[in-house]
């Protein structure tokens, strides 16, 4: 079975996230897309987040009706064991131990997050653990994506120059970039343009409908719990 790890703060999960997951599931024949809310992101410890229980509940609601979507609290489990923020590398390795030999794990990630991957914890080891599916957006080329790799894995400058024009490069590679130690798949044409920041702002205004940002169950949950209203943690 093909399985994708899809991590994030999901504060809150929205239609943009589910659109990416749906597109990836279809293209890569994913039997499961694991939505994994972060318990405490190591690189965002100075920021405040909605409590994990709320974010996990919203992820579970967002996964309803999608046969391949599975909410996972694996990062909360790891945090409970160590009491420390855990890194994606640790989560991926724990997941791989739980999979069958015939399973294949992908790491599903948006382009904005991927561009900073060289600053992640042990990025070279992480990129070698599994193949990455990068949800691309207009304006970004293969050159941008390859150039974001850690120095040890980054292709030579002449290879980057050959990938400047994203349309021709994508046509030639089928959206795949493979170098020693890393394989990247580009996921194009994901149309939902929603951000958690926009959603939180809409939720803060009692007069705005949320269904344009999230599914009805998540919208109802936000309204009932009054998440993201003034004075609430967000």
Protein backbone atom coordinates (compact mmCIF):
# COMPACT_ATOMS: atom_id res chain seq x y z
CA UNK A 1 0.00 0.00 0.00
CA UNK A 2 1.14 3.54 -0.73
CA UNK A 3 0.85 5.75 2.36
CA UNK A 4 1.53 9.46 2.81
CA UNK A 5 2.56 11.24 5.99
CA UNK A 6 0.91 14.68 5.98
CA UNK A 7 1.99 16.68 8.99
CA UNK A 8 1.35 20.21 10.14
CA UNK A 9 0.00 22.34 12.94
CA UNK A 10 -3.46 22.19 11.32
CA UNK A 11 -4.59 25.22 13.30
CA UNK A 12 -7.10 24.65 11.87
CA UNK A 13 -7.23 22.08 9.09
CA UNK A 14 -8.98 23.54 6.02
CA UNK A 15 -10.06 22.89 2.44
CA UNK A 16 -6.58 23.67 1.14
CA UNK A 17 -5.17 20.76 3.16
CA UNK A 18 -7.84 18.31 2.04
CA UNK A 19 -7.50 19.41 -1.60
CA UNK A 20 -3.77 18.65 -1.51
CA UNK A 21 -4.42 15.27 0.11
CA UNK A 22 -7.13 14.38 -2.41
CA UNK A 23 -4.92 15.30 -5.36
CA UNK A 24 -1.98 13.32 -3.96
CA UNK A 25 -4.15 10.30 -3.17
CA UNK A 26 -5.44 10.20 -6.73
CA UNK A 27 -2.12 10.69 -8.49
CA UNK A 28 -0.03 8.38 -6.32
CA UNK A 29 -2.72 5.81 -5.61
CA UNK A 30 -2.46 6.36 -1.88
CA UNK A 31 -4.33 3.85 0.21
CA UNK A 32 -3.94 6.11 3.23
CA UNK A 33 -3.12 9.74 3.86
CA UNK A 34 -2.16 10.16 7.52
CA UNK A 35 -3.11 13.61 8.81
CA UNK A 36 -0.67 14.16 11.68
CA UNK A 37 -1.19 17.29 13.82
CA UNK A 38 2.01 18.39 15.57
CA UNK A 39 1.87 18.28 19.36
CA UNK A 40 4.52 20.99 19.72
CA UNK A 41 6.43 22.00 16.56
CA UNK A 42 10.12 22.37 17.51
CA UNK A 43 10.61 25.35 15.17
CA UNK A 44 7.52 27.17 16.48
CA UNK A 45 7.90 26.84 20.23
CA UNK A 46 7.64 30.61 20.73
CA UNK A 47 4.22 30.69 19.07
CA UNK A 48 0.89 29.88 20.69
CA UNK A 49 -1.39 27.23 19.26
CA UNK A 50 -4.88 25.97 19.80
CA UNK A 51 -4.67 23.02 22.22
CA UNK A 52 -3.83 19.73 20.54
CA UNK A 53 -7.15 18.14 21.52
CA UNK A 54 -9.07 20.73 19.48
CA UNK A 55 -6.77 20.50 16.47
CA UNK A 56 -6.94 16.70 16.56
CA UNK A 57 -10.75 16.79 16.80
CA UNK A 58 -10.99 19.06 13.77
CA UNK A 59 -8.65 16.84 11.78
CA UNK A 60 -10.81 13.82 12.63
CA UNK A 61 -13.90 15.69 11.44
CA UNK A 62 -12.17 16.80 8.23
CA UNK A 63 -11.21 13.21 7.46
CA UNK A 64 -14.80 11.99 7.62
CA UNK A 65 -16.17 10.96 4.24
CA UNK A 66 -12.70 10.47 2.72
CA UNK A 67 -11.98 6.77 2.50
CA UNK A 68 -8.19 7.19 2.39
CA UNK A 69 -7.87 9.96 5.03
CA UNK A 70 -6.79 8.82 8.49
CA UNK A 71 -6.28 11.11 11.51
CA UNK A 72 -3.16 10.17 13.49
CA UNK A 73 -2.05 11.24 16.98
CA UNK A 74 1.40 9.68 16.62
CA UNK A 75 3.17 12.94 17.45
CA UNK A 76 1.16 13.28 20.65
CA UNK A 77 2.16 9.73 21.54
CA UNK A 78 5.83 10.55 21.01
CA UNK A 79 5.51 13.73 23.06
CA UNK A 80 3.87 11.78 25.89
CA UNK A 81 6.80 9.37 25.91
CA UNK A 82 9.59 11.94 25.91
CA UNK A 83 8.05 15.18 27.18
CA UNK A 84 9.99 16.95 24.43
CA UNK A 85 9.09 18.32 21.00
CA UNK A 86 9.75 15.67 18.40
CA UNK A 87 11.03 16.12 14.90
CA UNK A 88 9.63 14.85 11.60
CA UNK A 89 12.54 12.44 11.28
CA UNK A 90 11.54 10.71 14.52
CA UNK A 91 7.89 10.54 13.48
CA UNK A 92 8.70 9.09 10.06
CA UNK A 93 10.96 6.45 11.56
CA UNK A 94 8.30 5.45 14.08
CA UNK A 95 5.72 5.21 11.30
CA UNK A 96 7.97 3.06 9.15
CA UNK A 97 8.35 0.57 11.98
CA UNK A 98 4.57 0.22 12.07
CA UNK A 99 4.19 -0.41 8.34
CA UNK A 100 4.29 -3.68 6.44
CA UNK A 101 7.29 -4.51 4.28
CA UNK A 102 5.24 -4.04 1.13
CA UNK A 103 4.08 -0.55 2.17
CA UNK A 104 5.68 2.56 0.71
CA UNK A 105 5.75 5.79 2.71
CA UNK A 106 5.70 9.24 1.12
CA UNK A 107 6.13 12.59 2.84
CA UNK A 108 3.46 15.02 1.64
CA UNK A 109 4.38 18.69 2.04
CA UNK A 110 3.45 22.10 0.63
CA UNK A 111 5.96 24.14 -1.34
CA UNK A 112 6.14 26.92 1.27
CA UNK A 113 7.21 24.49 3.98
CA UNK A 114 9.55 22.60 1.67
CA UNK A 115 11.52 25.72 0.75
CA UNK A 116 12.76 25.84 4.34
CA UNK A 117 13.62 22.16 4.65
CA UNK A 118 17.38 22.73 4.71
CA UNK A 119 16.87 24.31 8.17
CA UNK A 120 14.94 21.34 9.56
CA UNK A 121 16.39 18.87 12.03
CA UNK A 122 18.76 16.51 10.16
CA UNK A 123 17.17 17.23 6.78
CA UNK A 124 19.52 14.96 4.84
CA UNK A 125 18.52 11.95 6.94
CA UNK A 126 14.84 12.86 6.62
CA UNK A 127 14.99 13.17 2.84
CA UNK A 128 16.68 9.78 2.64
CA UNK A 129 13.98 8.08 4.72
CA UNK A 130 11.21 8.37 2.11
CA UNK A 131 10.22 9.99 -1.16
CA UNK A 132 8.67 13.46 -0.95
CA UNK A 133 5.53 14.73 -2.66
CA UNK A 134 5.74 18.52 -2.93
CA UNK A 135 2.49 20.37 -3.58
CA UNK A 136 3.65 23.11 -5.91
CA UNK A 137 2.09 26.49 -6.68
CA UNK A 138 2.29 28.76 -9.76
CA UNK A 139 5.47 30.77 -9.79
CA UNK A 140 7.76 28.06 -8.46
CA UNK A 141 10.00 25.99 -10.72
CA UNK A 142 11.93 22.77 -10.37
CA UNK A 143 14.97 24.96 -9.96
CA UNK A 144 13.49 26.62 -6.87
CA UNK A 145 12.63 23.28 -5.33
CA UNK A 146 15.97 21.65 -6.08
CA UNK A 147 17.77 24.75 -4.84
CA UNK A 148 16.01 24.44 -1.47
CA UNK A 149 17.65 21.09 -0.77
CA UNK A 150 20.44 20.84 1.83
CA UNK A 151 23.86 21.50 0.36
CA UNK A 152 24.84 17.82 0.51
CA UNK A 153 21.90 16.82 -1.70
CA UNK A 154 21.61 19.88 -3.91
CA UNK A 155 22.27 19.23 -7.63
CA UNK A 156 25.03 21.03 -9.45
CA UNK A 157 24.44 24.55 -10.71
CA UNK A 158 24.20 23.46 -14.35
CA UNK A 159 21.37 21.08 -13.43
CA UNK A 160 19.55 23.90 -11.65
CA UNK A 161 19.95 26.14 -14.68
CA UNK A 162 18.44 23.44 -16.91
CA UNK A 163 15.37 23.43 -14.68
CA UNK A 164 14.72 27.18 -14.79
CA UNK A 165 11.67 26.88 -17.02
CA UNK A 166 9.23 24.85 -14.97
CA UNK A 167 6.86 23.91 -17.80
CA UNK A 168 9.46 22.32 -20.07
CA UNK A 169 11.32 20.79 -17.14
CA UNK A 170 8.16 19.22 -15.77
CA UNK A 171 7.24 17.83 -19.15
CA UNK A 172 10.67 16.26 -19.50
CA UNK A 173 10.78 14.70 -16.03
CA UNK A 174 7.15 13.83 -15.45
CA UNK A 175 7.30 15.94 -12.32
CA UNK A 176 9.99 13.79 -10.71
CA UNK A 177 13.43 14.87 -9.54
CA UNK A 178 15.76 12.10 -8.44
CA UNK A 179 19.28 12.66 -7.16
CA UNK A 180 21.48 10.51 -4.94
CA UNK A 181 19.75 10.45 -1.57
CA UNK A 182 16.51 12.20 -2.54
CA UNK A 183 13.48 11.71 -4.77
CA UNK A 184 10.96 14.51 -5.17
CA UNK A 185 7.57 14.31 -6.88
CA UNK A 186 5.86 17.56 -7.84
CA UNK A 187 2.12 17.75 -7.34
CA UNK A 188 0.69 20.44 -9.60
CA UNK A 189 -2.70 22.10 -10.09
CA UNK A 190 -4.08 22.07 -6.56
CA UNK A 191 -6.58 24.90 -6.85
CA UNK A 192 -7.84 25.62 -3.30
CA UNK A 193 -6.36 28.91 -2.07
CA UNK A 194 -7.10 28.91 1.64
CA UNK A 195 -4.85 29.60 4.60
CA UNK A 196 -5.28 28.93 8.30
CA UNK A 197 -4.61 32.64 8.92
CA UNK A 198 -7.59 33.59 6.71
CA UNK A 199 -9.76 31.03 8.44
CA UNK A 200 -8.87 32.23 11.92
CA UNK A 201 -9.66 35.81 10.90
CA UNK A 202 -13.03 34.71 9.53
CA UNK A 203 -13.76 32.75 12.70
CA UNK A 204 -12.98 35.82 14.80
CA UNK A 205 -15.84 37.61 13.05
CA UNK A 206 -19.14 36.13 14.21
CA UNK A 207 -20.88 37.30 11.05
CA UNK A 208 -18.72 35.39 8.57
CA UNK A 209 -19.54 31.93 7.30
CA UNK A 210 -16.75 29.39 7.56
CA UNK A 211 -17.97 26.77 5.11
CA UNK A 212 -15.94 28.36 2.29
CA UNK A 213 -12.79 27.56 4.24
CA UNK A 214 -13.63 24.24 5.90
CA UNK A 215 -16.17 21.44 5.64
CA UNK A 216 -19.46 21.80 7.51
CA UNK A 217 -18.47 19.54 10.46
CA UNK A 218 -15.30 21.55 11.14
CA UNK A 219 -17.15 24.86 10.74
CA UNK A 220 -19.76 23.73 13.26
CA UNK A 221 -17.05 22.61 15.69
CA UNK A 222 -15.35 26.01 15.50
CA UNK A 223 -18.62 27.80 16.10
CA UNK A 224 -19.65 25.62 19.04
CA UNK A 225 -16.27 25.82 20.77
CA UNK A 226 -15.86 29.50 19.88
CA UNK A 227 -12.30 28.85 18.80
CA UNK A 228 -10.32 31.80 17.45
CA UNK A 229 -12.65 34.35 19.01
CA UNK A 230 -11.13 37.27 20.92
CA UNK A 231 -9.69 36.07 24.20
CA UNK A 232 -9.43 32.48 22.97
CA UNK A 233 -6.13 30.73 22.28
CA UNK A 234 -5.45 30.49 18.55
